[in-house]
Amino acid sequence: MPQVAQVQMDVVPDAAHVQVVRLVAVSLARLHGVPEDVVEDVRLAVGEACARAVAAHRRHDVDQPVRLGFEGGPGLKVAVSDGVALPEASGDEAVRLLLAGPDNRSPDADSEAAPAVMALLEGLAEQVSVHTGHSGTRIVLGWGAGR
C-alpha cells in the first residue's frame, strides 16, 4: 500500500509568497508521481487558487494566514483555504457564493476575475471541489499519478 505524505503550509496573505507555494506544489507533484506533462497544470492551478485566497484576505482585511494542505502518494491533492466567511455551501452553490462575495452581491472590482479563476482551476485540475462556510472557503484540487 502506497504511503501518504502530508504537508501543511500557512502563508502570510502577501502575493510575494505565491511563488513559494508554486515551487512546493511542483516539487510535491513530481515526488508523488504526477506525470511531467501535468506538473505545469499543478503549478498554475495551485498558484491561482493561492493568489485568489491571498487577494480575498487583503480585500476583506483578514490578517490570518492562507492555509494550504498537500496530500501526496500516489498523485497529489491540494487544499487551499482562506478565512473570508461565507454561508455554508458546497459544489455549484459554493462557487456561486464565492463569486458573489461575503455580502452576497455582485463581485466588486477586485474580484471581477473570479469567474475566470474558477474556470481555469476546473480546466487544469482533474478534480475540483469548493466548500464555503463561516470559517472561509476551501478549494481542493487533485491530480492522479502517472502509469
N, C-alpha and C. Protein backbone atom coordinates (compact mmCIF):
# COMPACT_ATOMS: atom_id res chain seq x y z
N MET A 1 0.85 -1.18 0.00
CA MET A 1 0.00 0.00 0.00
C MET A 1 0.89 1.24 0.00
N PRO A 2 0.65 2.20 -0.93
CA PRO A 2 1.48 3.40 -1.00
C PRO A 2 1.33 4.25 0.27
N GLN A 3 2.43 4.87 0.63
CA GLN A 3 2.42 5.74 1.80
C GLN A 3 1.89 7.11 1.41
N VAL A 4 1.09 7.71 2.29
CA VAL A 4 0.54 9.04 2.07
C VAL A 4 1.38 10.04 2.86
N ALA A 5 1.80 11.10 2.20
CA ALA A 5 2.57 12.16 2.84
C ALA A 5 1.71 13.41 2.92
N GLN A 6 1.79 14.11 4.04
CA GLN A 6 1.01 15.33 4.21
C GLN A 6 1.95 16.48 4.57
N VAL A 7 1.72 17.63 3.93
CA VAL A 7 2.47 18.84 4.21
C VAL A 7 1.45 19.95 4.43
N GLN A 8 1.62 20.71 5.49
CA GLN A 8 0.74 21.85 5.78
C GLN A 8 1.57 23.12 5.68
N MET A 9 1.00 24.16 5.10
CA MET A 9 1.67 25.47 5.00
C MET A 9 0.70 26.55 5.40
N ASP A 10 1.18 27.51 6.16
CA ASP A 10 0.45 28.74 6.41
C ASP A 10 1.22 29.84 5.69
N VAL A 11 0.51 30.61 4.87
CA VAL A 11 1.14 31.64 4.05
C VAL A 11 0.59 33.00 4.43
N VAL A 12 1.50 33.92 4.75
CA VAL A 12 1.10 35.30 5.02
C VAL A 12 0.38 35.81 3.78
N PRO A 13 -0.76 36.50 3.94
CA PRO A 13 -1.50 36.96 2.76
C PRO A 13 -0.78 38.08 2.02
N ASP A 14 0.25 37.69 1.31
CA ASP A 14 1.07 38.60 0.52
C ASP A 14 1.36 37.90 -0.81
N ALA A 15 1.08 38.58 -1.90
CA ALA A 15 1.24 37.97 -3.22
C ALA A 15 2.67 37.49 -3.48
N ALA A 16 3.65 38.07 -2.79
CA ALA A 16 5.04 37.66 -2.98
C ALA A 16 5.27 36.20 -2.58
N HIS A 17 4.44 35.65 -1.72
CA HIS A 17 4.63 34.28 -1.25
C HIS A 17 4.00 33.23 -2.17
N VAL A 18 3.23 33.65 -3.15
CA VAL A 18 2.57 32.70 -4.05
C VAL A 18 3.60 31.90 -4.85
N GLN A 19 4.71 32.51 -5.22
CA GLN A 19 5.75 31.79 -5.97
C GLN A 19 6.31 30.63 -5.16
N VAL A 20 6.48 30.82 -3.85
CA VAL A 20 6.97 29.74 -2.99
C VAL A 20 5.97 28.58 -2.99
N VAL A 21 4.69 28.90 -2.92
CA VAL A 21 3.65 27.87 -2.94
C VAL A 21 3.72 27.09 -4.25
N ARG A 22 3.92 27.79 -5.36
CA ARG A 22 4.02 27.12 -6.66
C ARG A 22 5.20 26.14 -6.68
N LEU A 23 6.33 26.56 -6.13
CA LEU A 23 7.52 25.69 -6.10
C LEU A 23 7.28 24.45 -5.26
N VAL A 24 6.62 24.62 -4.12
CA VAL A 24 6.31 23.47 -3.26
C VAL A 24 5.37 22.51 -4.00
N ALA A 25 4.35 23.07 -4.67
CA ALA A 25 3.40 22.23 -5.41
C ALA A 25 4.09 21.42 -6.50
N VAL A 26 4.98 22.04 -7.25
CA VAL A 26 5.70 21.34 -8.32
C VAL A 26 6.57 20.23 -7.73
N SER A 27 7.30 20.54 -6.66
CA SER A 27 8.16 19.53 -6.04
C SER A 27 7.36 18.34 -5.55
N LEU A 28 6.25 18.60 -4.88
CA LEU A 28 5.43 17.50 -4.35
C LEU A 28 4.74 16.72 -5.47
N ALA A 29 4.34 17.40 -6.54
CA ALA A 29 3.72 16.71 -7.67
C ALA A 29 4.71 15.71 -8.27
N ARG A 30 5.93 16.16 -8.47
CA ARG A 30 6.96 15.26 -9.04
C ARG A 30 7.27 14.12 -8.08
N LEU A 31 7.39 14.43 -6.82
CA LEU A 31 7.71 13.42 -5.81
C LEU A 31 6.65 12.33 -5.73
N HIS A 32 5.39 12.70 -6.00
CA HIS A 32 4.28 11.75 -5.84
C HIS A 32 3.72 11.25 -7.16
N GLY A 33 4.53 11.30 -8.21
CA GLY A 33 4.21 10.60 -9.44
C GLY A 33 3.26 11.27 -10.39
N VAL A 34 2.98 12.55 -10.22
CA VAL A 34 2.13 13.24 -11.19
C VAL A 34 2.92 13.31 -12.50
N PRO A 35 2.32 12.93 -13.62
CA PRO A 35 3.04 12.92 -14.90
C PRO A 35 3.66 14.29 -15.21
N GLU A 36 4.83 14.27 -15.77
CA GLU A 36 5.57 15.51 -16.04
C GLU A 36 4.77 16.48 -16.92
N ASP A 37 3.99 15.95 -17.86
CA ASP A 37 3.21 16.85 -18.72
C ASP A 37 2.03 17.49 -17.99
N VAL A 38 1.78 17.11 -16.74
CA VAL A 38 0.69 17.68 -15.93
C VAL A 38 1.25 18.59 -14.84
N VAL A 39 2.54 18.53 -14.57
CA VAL A 39 3.14 19.30 -13.47
C VAL A 39 2.91 20.80 -13.66
N GLU A 40 3.00 21.30 -14.88
CA GLU A 40 2.75 22.73 -15.13
C GLU A 40 1.31 23.09 -14.78
N ASP A 41 0.37 22.20 -15.04
CA ASP A 41 -1.03 22.44 -14.65
C ASP A 41 -1.15 22.57 -13.13
N VAL A 42 -0.43 21.71 -12.41
CA VAL A 42 -0.42 21.77 -10.95
C VAL A 42 0.11 23.12 -10.50
N ARG A 43 1.23 23.54 -11.06
CA ARG A 43 1.85 24.82 -10.69
C ARG A 43 0.89 25.99 -10.91
N LEU A 44 0.28 26.01 -12.08
CA LEU A 44 -0.65 27.10 -12.41
C LEU A 44 -1.89 27.08 -11.51
N ALA A 45 -2.50 25.93 -11.36
CA ALA A 45 -3.75 25.84 -10.59
C ALA A 45 -3.53 26.18 -9.13
N VAL A 46 -2.49 25.62 -8.51
CA VAL A 46 -2.24 25.89 -7.09
C VAL A 46 -1.88 27.36 -6.90
N GLY A 47 -1.08 27.90 -7.83
CA GLY A 47 -0.73 29.32 -7.74
C GLY A 47 -1.95 30.22 -7.86
N GLU A 48 -2.84 29.92 -8.78
CA GLU A 48 -4.05 30.74 -8.95
C GLU A 48 -4.99 30.62 -7.75
N ALA A 49 -5.15 29.41 -7.22
CA ALA A 49 -6.00 29.23 -6.05
C ALA A 49 -5.44 29.99 -4.85
N CYS A 50 -4.12 29.93 -4.68
CA CYS A 50 -3.49 30.64 -3.57
C CYS A 50 -3.58 32.16 -3.78
N ALA A 51 -3.34 32.63 -4.99
CA ALA A 51 -3.44 34.06 -5.28
C ALA A 51 -4.86 34.57 -5.03
N ARG A 52 -5.87 33.75 -5.37
CA ARG A 52 -7.26 34.14 -5.12
C ARG A 52 -7.50 34.29 -3.62
N ALA A 53 -6.98 33.34 -2.83
CA ALA A 53 -7.16 33.39 -1.38
C ALA A 53 -6.43 34.58 -0.77
N VAL A 54 -5.21 34.84 -1.23
CA VAL A 54 -4.45 35.99 -0.75
C VAL A 54 -5.21 37.28 -1.06
N ALA A 55 -5.72 37.40 -2.28
CA ALA A 55 -6.47 38.60 -2.66
C ALA A 55 -7.73 38.75 -1.81
N ALA A 56 -8.41 37.65 -1.53
CA ALA A 56 -9.61 37.71 -0.68
C ALA A 56 -9.26 38.20 0.72
N HIS A 57 -8.17 37.70 1.27
CA HIS A 57 -7.74 38.14 2.61
C HIS A 57 -7.43 39.64 2.61
N ARG A 58 -6.71 40.09 1.62
CA ARG A 58 -6.33 41.51 1.56
C ARG A 58 -7.55 42.39 1.34
N ARG A 59 -8.45 41.97 0.47
CA ARG A 59 -9.65 42.76 0.16
C ARG A 59 -10.57 42.89 1.37
N HIS A 60 -10.61 41.87 2.22
CA HIS A 60 -11.54 41.86 3.35
C HIS A 60 -10.82 42.02 4.70
N ASP A 61 -9.57 42.48 4.64
CA ASP A 61 -8.78 42.76 5.84
C ASP A 61 -8.70 41.58 6.80
N VAL A 62 -8.48 40.40 6.26
CA VAL A 62 -8.28 39.20 7.08
C VAL A 62 -6.77 39.05 7.24
N ASP A 63 -6.28 39.15 8.47
CA ASP A 63 -4.84 39.10 8.66
C ASP A 63 -4.31 37.72 9.05
N GLN A 64 -5.18 36.74 9.13
CA GLN A 64 -4.70 35.38 9.40
C GLN A 64 -4.09 34.81 8.13
N PRO A 65 -3.26 33.77 8.25
CA PRO A 65 -2.62 33.21 7.04
C PRO A 65 -3.60 32.43 6.17
N VAL A 66 -3.24 32.34 4.90
CA VAL A 66 -3.90 31.43 3.97
C VAL A 66 -3.32 30.05 4.29
N ARG A 67 -4.18 29.04 4.38
CA ARG A 67 -3.73 27.69 4.75
C ARG A 67 -3.72 26.80 3.52
N LEU A 68 -2.67 26.00 3.41
CA LEU A 68 -2.58 25.02 2.34
C LEU A 68 -2.26 23.66 2.94
N GLY A 69 -2.91 22.66 2.40
CA GLY A 69 -2.64 21.29 2.79
C GLY A 69 -2.35 20.48 1.54
N PHE A 70 -1.22 19.80 1.53
CA PHE A 70 -0.81 18.96 0.41
C PHE A 70 -0.85 17.52 0.88
N GLU A 71 -1.48 16.66 0.09
CA GLU A 71 -1.51 15.23 0.40
C GLU A 71 -1.05 14.48 -0.85
N GLY A 72 0.02 13.75 -0.70
CA GLY A 72 0.57 13.06 -1.86
C GLY A 72 0.74 11.58 -1.64
N GLY A 73 0.68 10.85 -2.73
CA GLY A 73 1.03 9.44 -2.72
C GLY A 73 -0.10 8.47 -2.91
N PRO A 74 -0.24 7.92 -4.08
CA PRO A 74 0.21 8.42 -5.36
C PRO A 74 -0.69 9.56 -5.83
N GLY A 75 -0.15 10.44 -6.64
CA GLY A 75 -0.87 11.63 -7.08
C GLY A 75 -0.76 12.72 -6.04
N LEU A 76 -1.49 13.81 -6.23
CA LEU A 76 -1.42 14.96 -5.33
C LEU A 76 -2.80 15.58 -5.16
N LYS A 77 -3.11 15.90 -3.92
CA LYS A 77 -4.32 16.64 -3.60
C LYS A 77 -3.88 17.88 -2.83
N VAL A 78 -4.41 19.05 -3.21
CA VAL A 78 -4.04 20.30 -2.57
C VAL A 78 -5.30 21.03 -2.14
N ALA A 79 -5.35 21.40 -0.86
CA ALA A 79 -6.46 22.19 -0.32
C ALA A 79 -5.95 23.59 -0.02
N VAL A 80 -6.63 24.60 -0.55
CA VAL A 80 -6.29 26.00 -0.31
C VAL A 80 -7.46 26.63 0.41
N SER A 81 -7.19 27.17 1.61
CA SER A 81 -8.28 27.71 2.46
C SER A 81 -8.03 29.16 2.81
N ASP A 82 -9.07 29.97 2.63
CA ASP A 82 -8.99 31.36 3.08
C ASP A 82 -9.88 31.53 4.31
N GLY A 83 -9.85 32.70 4.92
CA GLY A 83 -10.61 32.95 6.13
C GLY A 83 -11.74 33.94 5.96
N VAL A 84 -12.24 34.13 4.73
CA VAL A 84 -13.34 35.05 4.48
C VAL A 84 -14.66 34.31 4.65
N ALA A 85 -15.43 34.70 5.65
CA ALA A 85 -16.67 34.00 5.99
C ALA A 85 -17.73 34.14 4.89
N LEU A 86 -18.35 33.02 4.58
CA LEU A 86 -19.48 32.94 3.64
C LEU A 86 -20.47 31.94 4.22
N PRO A 87 -21.70 31.92 3.71
CA PRO A 87 -22.65 30.89 4.17
C PRO A 87 -22.14 29.49 3.82
N GLU A 88 -22.60 28.51 4.58
CA GLU A 88 -22.22 27.11 4.35
C GLU A 88 -22.78 26.62 3.02
N ALA A 89 -21.91 26.08 2.18
CA ALA A 89 -22.35 25.50 0.91
C ALA A 89 -21.21 24.67 0.32
N SER A 90 -21.55 23.85 -0.67
CA SER A 90 -20.53 23.11 -1.40
C SER A 90 -20.96 22.99 -2.85
N GLY A 91 -20.00 22.62 -3.70
CA GLY A 91 -20.28 22.43 -5.11
C GLY A 91 -20.65 23.72 -5.82
N ASP A 92 -21.61 23.62 -6.74
CA ASP A 92 -22.02 24.78 -7.55
C ASP A 92 -22.54 25.93 -6.70
N GLU A 93 -23.25 25.62 -5.62
CA GLU A 93 -23.76 26.68 -4.74
C GLU A 93 -22.61 27.42 -4.07
N ALA A 94 -21.57 26.70 -3.66
CA ALA A 94 -20.39 27.34 -3.06
C ALA A 94 -19.69 28.23 -4.06
N VAL A 95 -19.58 27.79 -5.30
CA VAL A 95 -18.96 28.61 -6.34
C VAL A 95 -19.78 29.88 -6.54
N ARG A 96 -21.10 29.76 -6.58
CA ARG A 96 -21.95 30.94 -6.74
C ARG A 96 -21.72 31.92 -5.60
N LEU A 97 -21.68 31.42 -4.36
CA LEU A 97 -21.44 32.29 -3.21
C LEU A 97 -20.06 32.92 -3.26
N LEU A 98 -19.10 32.13 -3.67
CA LEU A 98 -17.72 32.63 -3.78
C LEU A 98 -17.64 33.77 -4.79
N LEU A 99 -18.32 33.63 -5.89
CA LEU A 99 -18.30 34.66 -6.92
C LEU A 99 -19.08 35.91 -6.50
N ALA A 100 -20.11 35.72 -5.67
CA ALA A 100 -20.92 36.86 -5.22
C ALA A 100 -20.24 37.63 -4.11
N GLY A 101 -19.40 36.99 -3.30
CA GLY A 101 -18.71 37.67 -2.22
C GLY A 101 -19.45 37.55 -0.90
N PRO A 102 -18.81 38.04 0.19
CA PRO A 102 -19.36 37.86 1.53
C PRO A 102 -20.70 38.54 1.78
N ASP A 103 -21.01 39.59 1.02
CA ASP A 103 -22.29 40.26 1.24
C ASP A 103 -23.35 39.81 0.24
N ASN A 104 -23.03 38.74 -0.54
CA ASN A 104 -23.96 38.11 -1.48
C ASN A 104 -24.45 39.08 -2.56
N ARG A 105 -23.58 40.03 -2.94
CA ARG A 105 -23.88 40.95 -4.03
C ARG A 105 -23.02 40.60 -5.22
N SER A 106 -23.11 41.42 -6.24
CA SER A 106 -22.21 41.25 -7.37
C SER A 106 -20.78 41.47 -6.90
N PRO A 107 -19.83 40.78 -7.50
CA PRO A 107 -18.44 40.95 -7.09
C PRO A 107 -17.98 42.39 -7.27
N ASP A 108 -17.07 42.84 -6.38
CA ASP A 108 -16.52 44.18 -6.52
C ASP A 108 -15.43 44.17 -7.58
N ALA A 109 -14.86 45.33 -7.86
CA ALA A 109 -13.89 45.45 -8.95
C ALA A 109 -12.70 44.52 -8.76
N ASP A 110 -12.27 44.29 -7.53
CA ASP A 110 -11.10 43.44 -7.28
C ASP A 110 -11.38 41.97 -7.58
N SER A 111 -12.63 41.56 -7.59
CA SER A 111 -12.91 40.14 -7.78
C SER A 111 -13.61 39.84 -9.10
N GLU A 112 -13.54 40.78 -10.04
CA GLU A 112 -14.17 40.53 -11.35
C GLU A 112 -13.53 39.36 -12.07
N ALA A 113 -12.28 39.04 -11.74
CA ALA A 113 -11.59 37.93 -12.40
C ALA A 113 -11.97 36.58 -11.80
N ALA A 114 -12.75 36.56 -10.72
CA ALA A 114 -13.08 35.30 -10.04
C ALA A 114 -13.69 34.24 -10.96
N PRO A 115 -14.63 34.57 -11.84
CA PRO A 115 -15.17 33.52 -12.72
C PRO A 115 -14.08 32.90 -13.61
N ALA A 116 -13.15 33.72 -14.08
CA ALA A 116 -12.07 33.20 -14.92
C ALA A 116 -11.15 32.29 -14.10
N VAL A 117 -10.88 32.66 -12.85
CA VAL A 117 -10.04 31.83 -11.99
C VAL A 117 -10.70 30.48 -11.76
N MET A 118 -11.99 30.47 -11.46
CA MET A 118 -12.68 29.19 -11.22
C MET A 118 -12.68 28.34 -12.48
N ALA A 119 -12.90 28.95 -13.64
CA ALA A 119 -12.87 28.19 -14.90
C ALA A 119 -11.47 27.63 -15.15
N LEU A 120 -10.45 28.42 -14.84
CA LEU A 120 -9.07 27.95 -15.02
C LEU A 120 -8.79 26.75 -14.13
N LEU A 121 -9.19 26.83 -12.86
CA LEU A 121 -8.97 25.72 -11.94
C LEU A 121 -9.65 24.45 -12.42
N GLU A 122 -10.88 24.58 -12.90
CA GLU A 122 -11.61 23.42 -13.39
C GLU A 122 -10.97 22.84 -14.65
N GLY A 123 -10.31 23.69 -15.44
CA GLY A 123 -9.65 23.22 -16.65
C GLY A 123 -8.30 22.57 -16.38
N LEU A 124 -7.64 22.96 -15.30
CA LEU A 124 -6.29 22.47 -15.02
C LEU A 124 -6.24 21.25 -14.10
N ALA A 125 -7.17 21.15 -13.16
CA ALA A 125 -7.14 20.07 -12.19
C ALA A 125 -8.06 18.93 -12.63
N GLU A 126 -7.68 17.71 -12.27
CA GLU A 126 -8.52 16.56 -12.58
C GLU A 126 -9.75 16.52 -11.69
N GLN A 127 -9.60 16.97 -10.46
CA GLN A 127 -10.74 17.07 -9.53
C GLN A 127 -10.70 18.44 -8.87
N VAL A 128 -11.87 19.05 -8.74
CA VAL A 128 -12.01 20.34 -8.06
C VAL A 128 -13.24 20.27 -7.18
N SER A 129 -13.09 20.65 -5.93
CA SER A 129 -14.26 20.79 -5.07
C SER A 129 -14.14 22.11 -4.32
N VAL A 130 -15.28 22.74 -4.08
CA VAL A 130 -15.33 24.03 -3.40
C VAL A 130 -16.32 23.94 -2.27
N HIS A 131 -15.88 24.41 -1.09
CA HIS A 131 -16.74 24.43 0.09
C HIS A 131 -16.59 25.81 0.73
N THR A 132 -17.72 26.43 1.06
CA THR A 132 -17.68 27.71 1.77
C THR A 132 -18.29 27.52 3.14
N GLY A 133 -17.97 28.43 4.03
CA GLY A 133 -18.52 28.37 5.38
C GLY A 133 -18.10 29.57 6.20
N HIS A 134 -18.51 29.57 7.45
CA HIS A 134 -18.24 30.70 8.33
C HIS A 134 -16.75 30.86 8.62
N SER A 135 -15.98 29.78 8.47
CA SER A 135 -14.54 29.89 8.69
C SER A 135 -13.78 30.17 7.39
N GLY A 136 -14.48 30.24 6.26
CA GLY A 136 -13.85 30.59 4.99
C GLY A 136 -14.15 29.61 3.87
N THR A 137 -13.41 29.77 2.78
CA THR A 137 -13.58 28.93 1.60
C THR A 137 -12.42 27.95 1.50
N ARG A 138 -12.74 26.73 1.10
CA ARG A 138 -11.74 25.68 0.91
C ARG A 138 -11.91 25.14 -0.51
N ILE A 139 -10.86 25.29 -1.30
CA ILE A 139 -10.83 24.75 -2.66
C ILE A 139 -9.85 23.59 -2.67
N VAL A 140 -10.33 22.42 -3.08
CA VAL A 140 -9.49 21.22 -3.11
C VAL A 140 -9.29 20.83 -4.58
N LEU A 141 -8.01 20.70 -4.95
CA LEU A 141 -7.61 20.34 -6.30
C LEU A 141 -6.90 18.99 -6.26
N GLY A 142 -7.11 18.16 -7.28
CA GLY A 142 -6.48 16.85 -7.27
C GLY A 142 -6.00 16.41 -8.63
N TRP A 143 -4.88 15.66 -8.60
CA TRP A 143 -4.29 15.06 -9.81
C TRP A 143 -3.84 13.65 -9.48
N GLY A 144 -4.00 12.73 -10.42
CA GLY A 144 -3.57 11.35 -10.22
C GLY A 144 -2.12 11.14 -10.58
N ALA A 145 -1.60 10.01 -10.20
CA ALA A 145 -0.22 9.64 -10.55
C ALA A 145 -0.19 9.06 -11.95
N GLY A 146 0.97 9.10 -12.55
CA GLY A 146 1.14 8.52 -13.88
C GLY A 146 1.10 7.01 -13.83
N ARG A 147 1.12 6.40 -14.98
CA ARG A 147 1.04 4.96 -15.06
C ARG A 147 2.37 4.32 -14.79
